[in-house]
Each structure stands twice: as C-alpha cells, then as structure tokens.
Amino acid sequence: MIILGLVLVLAGFIFGISILTTVGIILVVVGAILAVLGSTGRAVGGRAHYY
C-alpha cells in the first residue's frame, strides 16, 4: 500500500494530476499506520500482518 501510494504521488507530480497526488498521500499515510500497528503485534481488522 505504501509503494502504491508513492507511485501515485510521483505520477501525480509528473503528469500534473492533483487527484493522484491526494490519493497517493492518503495511501501512504494509511499504509504507514497499518505497518506500525502490525509491527507492534496488535491485530488490526482481524489480521496480524499487512503486507
């Protein structure tokens, strides 16, 4: 999810499409939160790991 977000942010900057940049930033933030919660051992949404 983090990698997809980074790709969308880069595509948004390159092509000048602001919605891609916005969606990419949201995906990066959500992916980072899920990664941090998963690494602490806390099950999120019934899953212990997100990758």
C-alpha atoms as a PDB file:
ATOM      1  CA  MET A   1       0.000   0.000   0.000  1.00  0.00           C
ATOM      2  CA  ILE A   2       2.880   2.333   0.772  1.00  0.00           C
ATOM      3  CA  ILE A   3       4.583   1.567  -2.537  1.00  0.00           C
ATOM      4  CA  LEU A   4       1.346   2.103  -4.478  1.00  0.00           C
ATOM      5  CA  GLY A   5       0.894   5.430  -2.692  1.00  0.00           C
ATOM      6  CA  LEU A   6       4.406   6.529  -3.604  1.00  0.00           C
ATOM      7  CA  VAL A   7       3.862   5.575  -7.241  1.00  0.00           C
ATOM      8  CA  LEU A   8       0.628   7.564  -7.335  1.00  0.00           C
ATOM      9  CA  VAL A   9       2.273  10.592  -5.726  1.00  0.00           C
ATOM     10  CA  LEU A  10       5.089  10.516  -8.277  1.00  0.00           C
ATOM     11  CA  ALA A  11       2.640  10.059 -11.164  1.00  0.00           C
ATOM     12  CA  GLY A  12       0.570  12.951  -9.860  1.00  0.00           C
ATOM     13  CA  PHE A  13       3.594  15.240  -9.772  1.00  0.00           C
ATOM     14  CA  ILE A  14       4.868  14.153 -13.180  1.00  0.00           C
ATOM     15  CA  PHE A  15       1.544  14.396 -15.024  1.00  0.00           C
ATOM     16  CA  GLY A  16       0.192  17.327 -13.022  1.00  0.00           C
ATOM     17  CA  ILE A  17      -2.920  15.485 -11.845  1.00  0.00           C
ATOM     18  CA  SER A  18      -3.693  16.617  -8.326  1.00  0.00           C
ATOM     19  CA  ILE A  19      -6.191  13.848  -7.510  1.00  0.00           C
ATOM     20  CA  LEU A  20      -3.452  11.229  -7.991  1.00  0.00           C
ATOM     21  CA  THR A  21      -1.241  13.115  -5.576  1.00  0.00           C
ATOM     22  CA  THR A  22      -4.017  13.347  -2.994  1.00  0.00           C
ATOM     23  CA  VAL A  23      -4.954   9.664  -3.222  1.00  0.00           C
ATOM     24  CA  GLY A  24      -1.269   8.708  -3.096  1.00  0.00           C
ATOM     25  CA  ILE A  25      -0.662  10.690   0.081  1.00  0.00           C
ATOM     26  CA  ILE A  26      -3.712   9.101   1.708  1.00  0.00           C
ATOM     27  CA  LEU A  27      -2.480   5.613   0.784  1.00  0.00           C
ATOM     28  CA  VAL A  28       0.992   6.316   2.149  1.00  0.00           C
ATOM     29  CA  VAL A  29      -0.418   7.535   5.468  1.00  0.00           C
ATOM     30  CA  VAL A  30      -2.849   4.622   5.853  1.00  0.00           C
ATOM     31  CA  GLY A  31      -0.152   2.131   4.874  1.00  0.00           C
ATOM     32  CA  ALA A  32       2.271   3.592   7.397  1.00  0.00           C
ATOM     33  CA  ILE A  33      -0.334   3.429  10.176  1.00  0.00           C
ATOM     34  CA  LEU A  34      -1.151  -0.199   9.359  1.00  0.00           C
ATOM     35  CA  ALA A  35       2.541  -1.091   9.216  1.00  0.00           C
ATOM     36  CA  VAL A  36       3.204   0.477  12.613  1.00  0.00           C
ATOM     37  CA  LEU A  37       0.201  -1.223  14.207  1.00  0.00           C
ATOM     38  CA  GLY A  38       1.164  -4.550  12.649  1.00  0.00           C
ATOM     39  CA  SER A  39       4.763  -4.306  13.829  1.00  0.00           C
ATOM     40  CA  THR A  40       3.682  -3.695  17.423  1.00  0.00           C
ATOM     41  CA  GLY A  41       1.925  -7.051  17.427  1.00  0.00           C
ATOM     42  CA  ARG A  42      -1.552  -5.572  17.520  1.00  0.00           C
ATOM     43  CA  ALA A  43      -4.019  -7.339  15.222  1.00  0.00           C
ATOM     44  CA  VAL A  44      -5.818  -4.821  13.009  1.00  0.00           C
ATOM     45  CA  GLY A  45      -9.021  -5.909  11.341  1.00  0.00           C
ATOM     46  CA  GLY A  46      -8.502  -9.495  12.392  1.00  0.00           C
ATOM     47  CA  ARG A  47      -5.085  -9.703  10.729  1.00  0.00           C
ATOM     48  CA  ALA A  48      -1.756  -9.632  12.488  1.00  0.00           C
ATOM     49  CA  HIS A  49       0.262  -8.597   9.403  1.00  0.00           C
ATOM     50  CA  TYR A  50      -0.358  -6.357   6.421  1.00  0.00           C
ATOM     51  CA  TYR A  51       1.994  -6.940   3.511  1.00  0.00           C
END
